[in-house]
Every structure is written in structure tokens, then in C-alpha cells.
Amino acid sequence: MAQYRVLIDANDEKGLVHKISTLFYNKDLNILSNNEFVDRENNKFFMRSVVDGEIEYLDLKESLSKVLPNNVNIEVIKPQKKNIIIMVTKEMHALGDILIRHEAGELEANILCVISNYSDLKSLVSKFDIPFVTISHVGLDRVEHENKILDCLSRYKDIDYIVLAKYMRILTPGFVEQYEDKIINIHHSFLPAFIGANPYKQAFDRGVKIIGATSHFVNNNLDEGPIIAQEVIHVDHAYGWRDMQRSGRNVEKIVLSSALKLALEDRIFVYANKTVIF
């Protein structure tokens, strides 16, 4: 028997879980796991089910559509490795963590290549037998540089996610709109605090007692895309901002890998610049 992930979001109304589970039963599908959530303020219903059985994809979607509200969104996904591109600059901690987890079989992903505007991390990536592409930004304006990256990306089919593993350049709206809800970033602060450059220095100047990291989808508002995962650690008055930065790197890599794993396992619903995570 094959397993499938069924993702459903719609306006909420009575009896949705009953209708869905009954339909699964009538089609001889076994529910292996199930999560649902209702956002009562926005009257939104979310459900993620893992089922096994023989599925006719279009028939299942059509059958669900007939018993659910008109505005329903339905995805039926057969679990398989997703295709990702990683973009980096010079820092290796976030990239290295993803490469090691991938090598260990912890991530349901095919890493198609790593793209950087510097060649500093090429030797690291080569150890994992993954293509490394250097696309220098020197002498180019932002749009010219991004066009070269987009040309590189166009050589790969079916990119599911682009992961910014400490890619230290702001993407233009033209780039972002081509990969809506597909670009995952790590920001070295507990958003919404300390947006933008050098958040550890900002945090130090403010005298914070915790620092953190936030992984989020990229949109056209700097560091304000839908948040996927966050974590914090405690600091005190003895920490300088560079001490905070060193401590924060461990949080950054864990949070980014956690967010990527959630995306690869189809556990994220995005709506109203927020996420529902199952």
C-alpha cells in the first residue's frame, strides 16, 4: 500500500472532519495520522492527514471538493524527495548542518546544487559530491546579478524550495515573485525584533537577556515573511555582541534545518502572512 499526504484548508463549518474521514473510509483508505486546526478569528479550517491505500489522485480531489466548501484547497502528495537549491555567501555553519543531515538521510531532499556569490565554501560542498556554482556579484547591479542566478536556476526542473543558508544579499521583488512561498531564509534574531543588518549588535545595544533565530519564508518585506520556526537561548551582561554572534550560530543552523524538514514533510500551511505547522 502507498502512503499519501492529504492537505486541506477551507472556510470552517460543522462536520468537516466527519465528512473527510467518512470519504477516506468509503474509499478504503486507512488514516495513519491526522491533525486539524481551526482559526476561529478567520473562520479557517486546516487538516493534514497521512493515509495509505490505492488512490486515484484526481478522483480523490474531486470527491473531496464535492463534500467540502467551495473555496477549499486540496493537495494530495505522495511522499518523495523534494528538489532544493541552497544559496550561501561565506558562512558555513548553516550550510554545513544541512549537508551533514542530508548525508545522514535525515532530509527528504535532493540537493541539486549550492549557489554562492563567493567561492569560499566550494571545498566544503565538494566533500559531499554536490555541484557548487559561483556567481559573483562584483561589477553587477542587483538585478543583473539576480538574472545570472535565475538563468542558473532555469537549468533545473521542478525546484521545490530555495534555501538561503546565510545568503547575505537582499532579493528583489522580481526574484521573490518567481518563487513565492518557496524561499526559506534564516534570520539571526528572534523576529520581529532586530530586523535587518547586524541584529546581534542591535541586541547587545538593547541589553537583551535572550537571543534567537527565526526561519521564515521570504516575501517583499525585509525579514517579515511567514515564520516557520524559532528558537532562543539565554545570555547575560557578560556577553559582548560577538559572543552573542558565536552562540547564536548554533541556534541558527538548528532552526533552519528544522524549518526545512517541516517544509520537506509538507507540514506547513501558509496564509495571512502566518503559518500553521503540523
Foldseek 3Di string as FASTA:
>chain_A
DFKKKKKKKDQDDPPLVVLLVVVCVVVVKAWPDKDWDADVVVRMIIMITMIDDDDDQVVSVVSSCVVDDVVMDIDIGGAAAAEEEEEAEADCLQVLLVLVCVVVVNARYDHQAYEYLDCNCVVVVVVSVHHYHHQHCPPHDQVVSVVVVVVVVVVDPRHQAYEYRHHPDDHAQVNCVVQPPRYKYKDFFDPPPQFDPLSLQVCLVVFDFKTKMWIARDHRPGPQAATQFMDIDTDHNVDDSVNVVVVSSVRRNVRSVVSNRQVSVVQWDDDPRYIDGD
